């Protein structure tokens, strides 16, 4: 899973399903595809990060 994040001051905000950046990783919109996350980061201005996969 991939998320889109953006540093706002000293805080990291995450792209939500409503298309806004908000604090709290639990609100982050998660993308299955790296390409989709990359596209959303480009559109909204952010960077992507892969979430750890726990087995």
C-alpha atoms as a PDB file:
ATOM      1  CA  UNK A   1       0.000   0.000   0.000  1.00  0.00           C
ATOM      2  CA  UNK A   2       1.129   3.524  -0.805  1.00  0.00           C
ATOM      3  CA  UNK A   3       0.218   6.893   0.687  1.00  0.00           C
ATOM      4  CA  UNK A   4       0.775  10.482  -0.393  1.00  0.00           C
ATOM      5  CA  UNK A   5       2.283  12.826   2.178  1.00  0.00           C
ATOM      6  CA  UNK A   6       3.385  16.439   2.381  1.00  0.00           C
ATOM      7  CA  UNK A   7       5.509  18.203   4.960  1.00  0.00           C
ATOM      8  CA  UNK A   8       3.687  21.252   6.373  1.00  0.00           C
ATOM      9  CA  UNK A   9       6.075  23.119   8.651  1.00  0.00           C
ATOM     10  CA  UNK A  10       7.415  20.504  11.036  1.00  0.00           C
ATOM     11  CA  UNK A  11       4.377  18.241  10.606  1.00  0.00           C
ATOM     12  CA  UNK A  12       3.592  15.610   7.995  1.00  0.00           C
ATOM     13  CA  UNK A  13       0.097  15.709   6.503  1.00  0.00           C
ATOM     14  CA  UNK A  14      -1.467  12.932   4.453  1.00  0.00           C
ATOM     15  CA  UNK A  15      -3.731  13.040   1.410  1.00  0.00           C
ATOM     16  CA  UNK A  16      -7.242  11.974   2.419  1.00  0.00           C
ATOM     17  CA  UNK A  17      -9.969  10.505   0.233  1.00  0.00           C
ATOM     18  CA  UNK A  18     -11.509  14.004   0.010  1.00  0.00           C
ATOM     19  CA  UNK A  19      -8.354  15.266  -1.745  1.00  0.00           C
ATOM     20  CA  UNK A  20      -7.079  17.393   1.161  1.00  0.00           C
ATOM     21  CA  UNK A  21      -3.935  17.073   3.221  1.00  0.00           C
ATOM     22  CA  UNK A  22      -4.641  16.485   6.915  1.00  0.00           C
ATOM     23  CA  UNK A  23      -2.615  15.283   9.901  1.00  0.00           C
ATOM     24  CA  UNK A  24      -3.115  11.733  11.094  1.00  0.00           C
ATOM     25  CA  UNK A  25      -1.962   8.762   9.071  1.00  0.00           C
ATOM     26  CA  UNK A  26      -5.181   6.899   9.928  1.00  0.00           C
ATOM     27  CA  UNK A  27      -7.050   9.365   7.644  1.00  0.00           C
ATOM     28  CA  UNK A  28      -4.654   8.803   4.725  1.00  0.00           C
ATOM     29  CA  UNK A  29      -6.025   7.479   1.448  1.00  0.00           C
ATOM     30  CA  UNK A  30      -4.182   4.224   0.716  1.00  0.00           C
ATOM     31  CA  UNK A  31      -3.327   3.241  -2.844  1.00  0.00           C
ATOM     32  CA  UNK A  32      -2.652  -0.321  -3.971  1.00  0.00           C
ATOM     33  CA  UNK A  33      -0.694   0.828  -7.014  1.00  0.00           C
ATOM     34  CA  UNK A  34       2.524   2.834  -6.804  1.00  0.00           C
ATOM     35  CA  UNK A  35       1.664   4.453 -10.139  1.00  0.00           C
ATOM     36  CA  UNK A  36      -1.705   5.699  -8.839  1.00  0.00           C
ATOM     37  CA  UNK A  37      -0.047   7.125  -5.726  1.00  0.00           C
ATOM     38  CA  UNK A  38       2.598   8.785  -7.896  1.00  0.00           C
ATOM     39  CA  UNK A  39      -0.102  10.349 -10.105  1.00  0.00           C
ATOM     40  CA  UNK A  40      -2.024  11.667  -7.094  1.00  0.00           C
ATOM     41  CA  UNK A  41       1.188  13.079  -5.603  1.00  0.00           C
ATOM     42  CA  UNK A  42       1.874  14.892  -8.855  1.00  0.00           C
ATOM     43  CA  UNK A  43      -1.671  16.315  -9.052  1.00  0.00           C
ATOM     44  CA  UNK A  44      -1.875  17.398  -5.400  1.00  0.00           C
ATOM     45  CA  UNK A  45       1.789  18.193  -4.776  1.00  0.00           C
ATOM     46  CA  UNK A  46       3.256  15.685  -2.375  1.00  0.00           C
ATOM     47  CA  UNK A  47       5.516  12.678  -2.182  1.00  0.00           C
ATOM     48  CA  UNK A  48       4.724   8.987  -1.923  1.00  0.00           C
ATOM     49  CA  UNK A  49       5.704   6.508   0.737  1.00  0.00           C
ATOM     50  CA  UNK A  50       5.147   2.783   0.977  1.00  0.00           C
ATOM     51  CA  UNK A  51       3.454   1.504   4.112  1.00  0.00           C
ATOM     52  CA  UNK A  52       5.092  -1.475   5.805  1.00  0.00           C
ATOM     53  CA  UNK A  53       3.481  -4.778   4.903  1.00  0.00           C
ATOM     54  CA  UNK A  54       2.990  -6.869   8.030  1.00  0.00           C
ATOM     55  CA  UNK A  55       2.478 -10.608   7.677  1.00  0.00           C
END
